[in-house]
Amino acid sequence: MKLGTTNLPGAYISDIKHALKIVEHEYDYGDITDYTVLGSGPTRLTITGLCNSETDRIAIEYVCRQAIEKKLYFPSTPSATDDRYYRVYTEAASWSLETPKHWRYTFVAMTVVPWVYSASTNQPISGQGA
């Protein structure tokens, strides 16, 4: 996996949470509550990985803290290259020491448009409503 041009060693998408934008309507003097669904909200992708160098750790921390849209590249199958991507915004990574020279990292990537894009054509993959 890569985040922009930064390699994410040992990384995988460990969780995906889709959201809906919902408005709740409460009416005075009654027991009626109504909801209106306004469409899809942001999708949260949790990325987990393991790095074994201070250089990788600094690079991952730096790219995660940038407040710009980035491309999160990932393979479409386990044996493929990074041929797909999401357009994401990221939060700072959290770190835990696994061994004296290995750090496990986790960060959340938010995508407003939850479509998967092809890295070769930069177009959304068909069948996603694009």
N, C-alpha and C. Protein backbone atom coordinates (compact mmCIF):
# COMPACT_ATOMS: atom_id res chain seq x y z
N MET A 1 0.84 -1.18 0.00
CA MET A 1 0.00 0.00 0.00
C MET A 1 0.88 1.24 0.00
N LYS A 2 0.31 2.32 -0.51
CA LYS A 2 0.98 3.61 -0.49
C LYS A 2 -0.03 4.69 -0.14
N LEU A 3 0.46 5.73 0.52
CA LEU A 3 -0.33 6.93 0.79
C LEU A 3 0.37 8.04 0.05
N GLY A 4 -0.21 8.47 -1.07
CA GLY A 4 0.50 9.39 -1.96
C GLY A 4 1.69 8.65 -2.54
N THR A 5 2.89 9.16 -2.30
CA THR A 5 4.10 8.48 -2.78
C THR A 5 4.83 7.75 -1.65
N THR A 6 4.28 7.76 -0.45
CA THR A 6 4.92 7.14 0.71
C THR A 6 4.47 5.69 0.84
N ASN A 7 5.43 4.78 0.86
CA ASN A 7 5.11 3.36 1.06
C ASN A 7 4.63 3.13 2.49
N LEU A 8 3.66 2.24 2.63
CA LEU A 8 3.13 1.86 3.93
C LEU A 8 3.49 0.40 4.17
N PRO A 9 4.63 0.13 4.80
CA PRO A 9 5.07 -1.26 4.95
C PRO A 9 4.11 -2.08 5.81
N GLY A 10 3.82 -3.28 5.32
CA GLY A 10 2.97 -4.21 6.07
C GLY A 10 1.56 -3.72 6.28
N ALA A 11 1.08 -2.81 5.44
CA ALA A 11 -0.22 -2.18 5.69
C ALA A 11 -1.37 -2.95 5.04
N TYR A 12 -2.54 -2.83 5.66
CA TYR A 12 -3.78 -3.37 5.12
C TYR A 12 -4.94 -2.54 5.66
N ILE A 13 -6.07 -2.61 4.97
CA ILE A 13 -7.28 -1.93 5.43
C ILE A 13 -7.94 -2.85 6.46
N SER A 14 -7.90 -2.45 7.72
CA SER A 14 -8.41 -3.32 8.78
C SER A 14 -9.89 -3.11 9.10
N ASP A 15 -10.45 -1.98 8.65
CA ASP A 15 -11.87 -1.72 8.92
C ASP A 15 -12.39 -0.67 7.95
N ILE A 16 -13.63 -0.84 7.52
CA ILE A 16 -14.32 0.14 6.68
C ILE A 16 -15.69 0.39 7.31
N LYS A 17 -15.99 1.67 7.57
CA LYS A 17 -17.30 2.04 8.13
C LYS A 17 -17.95 3.07 7.22
N HIS A 18 -19.08 2.70 6.65
CA HIS A 18 -19.85 3.61 5.81
C HIS A 18 -20.82 4.39 6.69
N ALA A 19 -21.13 5.61 6.30
CA ALA A 19 -22.03 6.46 7.10
C ALA A 19 -23.13 7.02 6.21
N LEU A 20 -24.22 7.38 6.86
CA LEU A 20 -25.33 8.07 6.19
C LEU A 20 -25.52 9.43 6.84
N LYS A 21 -25.95 10.40 6.03
CA LYS A 21 -26.33 11.71 6.57
C LYS A 21 -27.83 11.65 6.82
N ILE A 22 -28.23 11.81 8.09
CA ILE A 22 -29.63 11.69 8.48
C ILE A 22 -30.04 12.92 9.29
N VAL A 23 -31.22 13.43 9.00
CA VAL A 23 -31.79 14.53 9.77
C VAL A 23 -32.96 13.99 10.56
N GLU A 24 -32.98 14.29 11.85
CA GLU A 24 -34.07 13.86 12.72
C GLU A 24 -35.03 15.03 12.93
N HIS A 25 -36.31 14.79 12.71
CA HIS A 25 -37.34 15.81 12.90
C HIS A 25 -38.16 15.45 14.14
N GLU A 26 -38.10 16.29 15.15
CA GLU A 26 -38.91 16.09 16.35
C GLU A 26 -40.01 17.15 16.36
N TYR A 27 -41.22 16.73 16.67
CA TYR A 27 -42.36 17.64 16.66
C TYR A 27 -42.80 17.91 18.09
N ASP A 28 -43.01 19.19 18.40
CA ASP A 28 -43.45 19.57 19.74
C ASP A 28 -44.83 19.01 20.04
N TYR A 29 -45.04 18.74 21.30
CA TYR A 29 -46.34 18.31 21.82
C TYR A 29 -46.83 17.02 21.18
N GLY A 30 -45.91 16.12 20.88
CA GLY A 30 -46.32 14.84 20.31
C GLY A 30 -45.21 13.82 20.44
N ASP A 31 -45.56 12.59 20.16
CA ASP A 31 -44.60 11.50 20.25
C ASP A 31 -44.07 11.10 18.87
N ILE A 32 -44.22 11.96 17.89
CA ILE A 32 -43.83 11.62 16.52
C ILE A 32 -42.41 12.13 16.25
N THR A 33 -41.59 11.25 15.76
CA THR A 33 -40.25 11.61 15.31
C THR A 33 -40.10 11.07 13.89
N ASP A 34 -39.55 11.88 13.01
CA ASP A 34 -39.40 11.51 11.61
C ASP A 34 -37.94 11.67 11.21
N TYR A 35 -37.48 10.87 10.27
CA TYR A 35 -36.10 10.93 9.80
C TYR A 35 -36.06 11.11 8.29
N THR A 36 -35.11 11.89 7.83
CA THR A 36 -34.88 12.05 6.40
C THR A 36 -33.43 11.68 6.12
N VAL A 37 -33.23 10.73 5.20
CA VAL A 37 -31.88 10.33 4.80
C VAL A 37 -31.44 11.22 3.64
N LEU A 38 -30.31 11.89 3.83
CA LEU A 38 -29.82 12.83 2.82
C LEU A 38 -28.75 12.23 1.91
N GLY A 39 -28.41 10.99 2.11
CA GLY A 39 -27.41 10.34 1.25
C GLY A 39 -26.23 9.82 2.06
N SER A 40 -25.19 9.49 1.34
CA SER A 40 -23.99 8.92 1.97
C SER A 40 -23.19 9.98 2.68
N GLY A 41 -22.66 9.61 3.82
CA GLY A 41 -21.74 10.46 4.55
C GLY A 41 -20.32 9.98 4.28
N PRO A 42 -19.35 10.51 5.02
CA PRO A 42 -17.97 10.08 4.81
C PRO A 42 -17.76 8.62 5.21
N THR A 43 -16.89 7.95 4.50
CA THR A 43 -16.51 6.58 4.81
C THR A 43 -15.18 6.60 5.55
N ARG A 44 -15.09 5.84 6.65
CA ARG A 44 -13.87 5.77 7.47
C ARG A 44 -13.15 4.47 7.15
N LEU A 45 -11.90 4.59 6.72
CA LEU A 45 -11.04 3.44 6.47
C LEU A 45 -9.98 3.41 7.56
N THR A 46 -9.84 2.31 8.27
CA THR A 46 -8.79 2.18 9.26
C THR A 46 -7.65 1.38 8.63
N ILE A 47 -6.46 1.96 8.64
CA ILE A 47 -5.28 1.34 8.05
C ILE A 47 -4.36 0.91 9.19
N THR A 48 -3.89 -0.33 9.12
CA THR A 48 -2.98 -0.88 10.12
C THR A 48 -1.75 -1.43 9.41
N GLY A 49 -0.58 -1.24 10.00
CA GLY A 49 0.64 -1.76 9.39
C GLY A 49 1.74 -1.91 10.41
N LEU A 50 2.89 -2.38 9.94
CA LEU A 50 4.05 -2.62 10.79
C LEU A 50 5.28 -2.11 10.07
N CYS A 51 6.01 -1.18 10.71
CA CYS A 51 7.23 -0.68 10.08
C CYS A 51 8.43 -0.98 10.97
N ASN A 52 9.62 -1.04 10.34
CA ASN A 52 10.80 -1.45 11.10
C ASN A 52 11.96 -0.48 10.96
N SER A 53 11.67 0.76 10.56
CA SER A 53 12.75 1.75 10.51
C SER A 53 12.22 3.11 10.95
N GLU A 54 13.09 3.86 11.57
CA GLU A 54 12.73 5.21 12.01
C GLU A 54 12.43 6.10 10.81
N THR A 55 13.11 5.87 9.69
CA THR A 55 12.88 6.65 8.46
C THR A 55 11.45 6.44 7.96
N ASP A 56 10.99 5.17 7.91
CA ASP A 56 9.61 4.89 7.50
C ASP A 56 8.63 5.52 8.47
N ARG A 57 8.93 5.44 9.76
CA ARG A 57 8.02 5.98 10.78
C ARG A 57 7.86 7.50 10.61
N ILE A 58 8.94 8.20 10.38
CA ILE A 58 8.88 9.66 10.19
C ILE A 58 8.11 9.99 8.92
N ALA A 59 8.35 9.24 7.84
CA ALA A 59 7.67 9.50 6.57
C ALA A 59 6.16 9.28 6.69
N ILE A 60 5.76 8.20 7.37
CA ILE A 60 4.34 7.92 7.54
C ILE A 60 3.68 8.99 8.39
N GLU A 61 4.34 9.37 9.47
CA GLU A 61 3.79 10.41 10.35
C GLU A 61 3.64 11.73 9.59
N TYR A 62 4.63 12.07 8.79
CA TYR A 62 4.60 13.33 8.03
C TYR A 62 3.44 13.35 7.03
N VAL A 63 3.29 12.29 6.26
CA VAL A 63 2.24 12.29 5.23
C VAL A 63 0.85 12.21 5.87
N CYS A 64 0.71 11.51 6.98
CA CYS A 64 -0.61 11.43 7.64
C CYS A 64 -1.05 12.78 8.19
N ARG A 65 -0.12 13.59 8.64
CA ARG A 65 -0.47 14.89 9.24
C ARG A 65 -0.75 15.99 8.21
N GLN A 66 -0.47 15.75 6.94
CA GLN A 66 -0.74 16.77 5.92
C GLN A 66 -2.24 16.92 5.73
N ALA A 67 -2.71 18.16 5.78
CA ALA A 67 -4.14 18.44 5.67
C ALA A 67 -4.54 18.67 4.22
N ILE A 68 -4.24 17.69 3.37
CA ILE A 68 -4.60 17.76 1.94
C ILE A 68 -5.21 16.42 1.54
N GLU A 69 -5.91 16.44 0.41
CA GLU A 69 -6.43 15.17 -0.12
C GLU A 69 -5.27 14.35 -0.67
N LYS A 70 -5.26 13.06 -0.34
CA LYS A 70 -4.22 12.16 -0.79
C LYS A 70 -4.86 10.95 -1.46
N LYS A 71 -4.06 10.18 -2.17
CA LYS A 71 -4.53 8.93 -2.75
C LYS A 71 -3.98 7.78 -1.92
N LEU A 72 -4.88 6.91 -1.46
CA LEU A 72 -4.50 5.71 -0.73
C LEU A 72 -4.55 4.54 -1.71
N TYR A 73 -3.37 4.12 -2.18
CA TYR A 73 -3.27 3.05 -3.17
C TYR A 73 -3.28 1.70 -2.48
N PHE A 74 -3.96 0.73 -3.10
CA PHE A 74 -4.01 -0.63 -2.56
C PHE A 74 -4.20 -1.61 -3.70
N PRO A 75 -3.83 -2.88 -3.51
CA PRO A 75 -4.00 -3.88 -4.58
C PRO A 75 -5.44 -4.38 -4.65
N SER A 76 -5.90 -4.69 -5.86
CA SER A 76 -7.26 -5.23 -6.03
C SER A 76 -7.34 -6.69 -5.63
N THR A 77 -6.23 -7.42 -5.71
CA THR A 77 -6.13 -8.81 -5.26
C THR A 77 -4.82 -8.95 -4.48
N PRO A 78 -4.68 -9.97 -3.65
CA PRO A 78 -3.45 -10.09 -2.85
C PRO A 78 -2.16 -10.12 -3.67
N SER A 79 -2.19 -10.65 -4.89
CA SER A 79 -0.97 -10.75 -5.69
C SER A 79 -0.78 -9.57 -6.64
N ALA A 80 -1.70 -8.62 -6.66
CA ALA A 80 -1.63 -7.49 -7.60
C ALA A 80 -0.74 -6.37 -7.05
N THR A 81 -0.38 -5.46 -7.96
CA THR A 81 0.30 -4.24 -7.53
C THR A 81 -0.76 -3.27 -7.01
N ASP A 82 -0.33 -2.10 -6.58
CA ASP A 82 -1.28 -1.10 -6.07
C ASP A 82 -2.03 -0.48 -7.26
N ASP A 83 -3.08 -1.17 -7.72
CA ASP A 83 -3.78 -0.76 -8.93
C ASP A 83 -5.11 -0.07 -8.68
N ARG A 84 -5.46 0.18 -7.43
CA ARG A 84 -6.69 0.88 -7.06
C ARG A 84 -6.36 1.95 -6.03
N TYR A 85 -7.25 2.95 -5.89
CA TYR A 85 -7.03 3.93 -4.83
C TYR A 85 -8.33 4.58 -4.40
N TYR A 86 -8.32 5.10 -3.17
CA TYR A 86 -9.35 5.97 -2.63
C TYR A 86 -8.76 7.37 -2.54
N ARG A 87 -9.59 8.40 -2.68
CA ARG A 87 -9.18 9.78 -2.41
C ARG A 87 -9.54 10.06 -0.96
N VAL A 88 -8.53 10.34 -0.11
CA VAL A 88 -8.75 10.39 1.34
C VAL A 88 -8.12 11.62 1.99
N TYR A 89 -8.59 11.90 3.19
CA TYR A 89 -7.96 12.81 4.15
C TYR A 89 -7.61 11.96 5.36
N THR A 90 -6.47 12.20 5.98
CA THR A 90 -6.02 11.32 7.05
C THR A 90 -5.87 12.05 8.38
N GLU A 91 -5.93 11.27 9.44
CA GLU A 91 -5.63 11.75 10.79
C GLU A 91 -4.22 11.29 11.14
N ALA A 92 -3.67 11.83 12.19
CA ALA A 92 -2.33 11.43 12.64
C ALA A 92 -2.33 9.95 13.01
N ALA A 93 -1.24 9.28 12.74
CA ALA A 93 -1.11 7.86 13.06
C ALA A 93 -0.87 7.66 14.56
N SER A 94 -1.36 6.55 15.08
CA SER A 94 -1.02 6.16 16.45
C SER A 94 -0.04 4.99 16.35
N TRP A 95 0.88 4.94 17.31
CA TRP A 95 1.99 3.99 17.25
C TRP A 95 2.05 3.16 18.52
N SER A 96 2.47 1.90 18.36
CA SER A 96 2.76 1.05 19.51
C SER A 96 4.00 0.23 19.17
N LEU A 97 4.86 0.07 20.15
CA LEU A 97 6.10 -0.66 19.96
C LEU A 97 5.82 -2.16 20.06
N GLU A 98 6.10 -2.90 18.98
CA GLU A 98 5.88 -4.35 18.97
C GLU A 98 7.12 -5.08 19.49
N THR A 99 8.28 -4.73 18.94
CA THR A 99 9.57 -5.25 19.38
C THR A 99 10.50 -4.04 19.43
N PRO A 100 11.72 -4.20 19.91
CA PRO A 100 12.60 -3.02 19.99
C PRO A 100 12.80 -2.27 18.67
N LYS A 101 12.59 -2.92 17.52
CA LYS A 101 12.79 -2.23 16.24
C LYS A 101 11.58 -2.28 15.32
N HIS A 102 10.42 -2.66 15.84
CA HIS A 102 9.21 -2.74 15.01
C HIS A 102 8.07 -1.96 15.69
N TRP A 103 7.44 -1.09 14.91
CA TRP A 103 6.30 -0.29 15.41
C TRP A 103 5.05 -0.65 14.63
N ARG A 104 3.97 -0.88 15.34
CA ARG A 104 2.67 -1.05 14.70
C ARG A 104 2.01 0.31 14.64
N TYR A 105 1.47 0.64 13.46
CA TYR A 105 0.80 1.93 13.31
C TYR A 105 -0.63 1.72 12.85
N THR A 106 -1.48 2.66 13.22
CA THR A 106 -2.87 2.68 12.80
C THR A 106 -3.25 4.12 12.55
N PHE A 107 -3.96 4.36 11.44
CA PHE A 107 -4.51 5.68 11.20
C PHE A 107 -5.84 5.56 10.48
N VAL A 108 -6.63 6.61 10.58
CA VAL A 108 -7.94 6.66 9.94
C VAL A 108 -7.84 7.54 8.71
N ALA A 109 -8.38 7.03 7.61
CA ALA A 109 -8.48 7.80 6.37
C ALA A 109 -9.96 7.99 6.08
N MET A 110 -10.36 9.23 5.85
CA MET A 110 -11.76 9.55 5.56
C MET A 110 -11.89 9.87 4.07
N THR A 111 -12.91 9.28 3.45
CA THR A 111 -13.18 9.59 2.06
C THR A 111 -14.61 10.11 1.94
N VAL A 112 -14.75 11.27 1.34
CA VAL A 112 -16.07 11.88 1.17
C VAL A 112 -16.80 11.19 0.03
N VAL A 113 -16.07 10.82 -1.02
CA VAL A 113 -16.63 10.09 -2.16
C VAL A 113 -16.10 8.66 -2.06
N PRO A 114 -16.91 7.71 -1.60
CA PRO A 114 -16.39 6.38 -1.30
C PRO A 114 -16.21 5.48 -2.52
N TRP A 115 -15.86 6.05 -3.65
CA TRP A 115 -15.63 5.24 -4.84
C TRP A 115 -14.18 4.80 -4.90
N VAL A 116 -13.98 3.63 -5.46
CA VAL A 116 -12.64 3.11 -5.71
C VAL A 116 -12.27 3.52 -7.13
N TYR A 117 -11.06 4.05 -7.30
CA TYR A 117 -10.59 4.51 -8.60
C TYR A 117 -9.53 3.58 -9.14
N SER A 118 -9.43 3.48 -10.47
CA SER A 118 -8.38 2.73 -11.13
C SER A 118 -7.13 3.60 -11.19
N ALA A 119 -5.98 3.06 -10.78
CA ALA A 119 -4.73 3.82 -10.80
C ALA A 119 -4.25 4.07 -12.22
N SER A 120 -4.62 3.23 -13.16
CA SER A 120 -4.15 3.41 -14.54
C SER A 120 -4.95 4.44 -15.31
N THR A 121 -6.26 4.54 -15.04
CA THR A 121 -7.11 5.48 -15.80
C THR A 121 -7.56 6.68 -14.98
N ASN A 122 -7.40 6.65 -13.65
CA ASN A 122 -7.90 7.70 -12.75
C ASN A 122 -9.41 7.90 -12.85
N GLN A 123 -10.13 6.86 -13.24
CA GLN A 123 -11.58 6.89 -13.34
C GLN A 123 -12.17 5.95 -12.29
N PRO A 124 -13.37 6.27 -11.80
CA PRO A 124 -14.03 5.35 -10.85
C PRO A 124 -14.26 3.99 -11.50
N ILE A 125 -14.14 2.95 -10.72
CA ILE A 125 -14.41 1.61 -11.20
C ILE A 125 -15.91 1.50 -11.48
N SER A 126 -16.31 0.91 -12.61
CA SER A 126 -17.71 0.85 -12.99
C SER A 126 -18.51 0.04 -11.99
N GLY A 127 -19.81 0.32 -11.92
CA GLY A 127 -20.70 -0.39 -11.02
C GLY A 127 -20.82 0.25 -9.65
N GLN A 128 -20.29 1.45 -9.47
CA GLN A 128 -20.35 2.11 -8.16
C GLN A 128 -21.24 3.34 -8.18
N GLY A 129 -22.01 3.50 -9.23
CA GLY A 129 -22.86 4.68 -9.32
C GLY A 129 -22.16 5.89 -9.88
N ALA A 130 -20.98 5.70 -10.42
CA ALA A 130 -20.21 6.82 -10.97
C ALA A 130 -20.60 7.11 -12.40
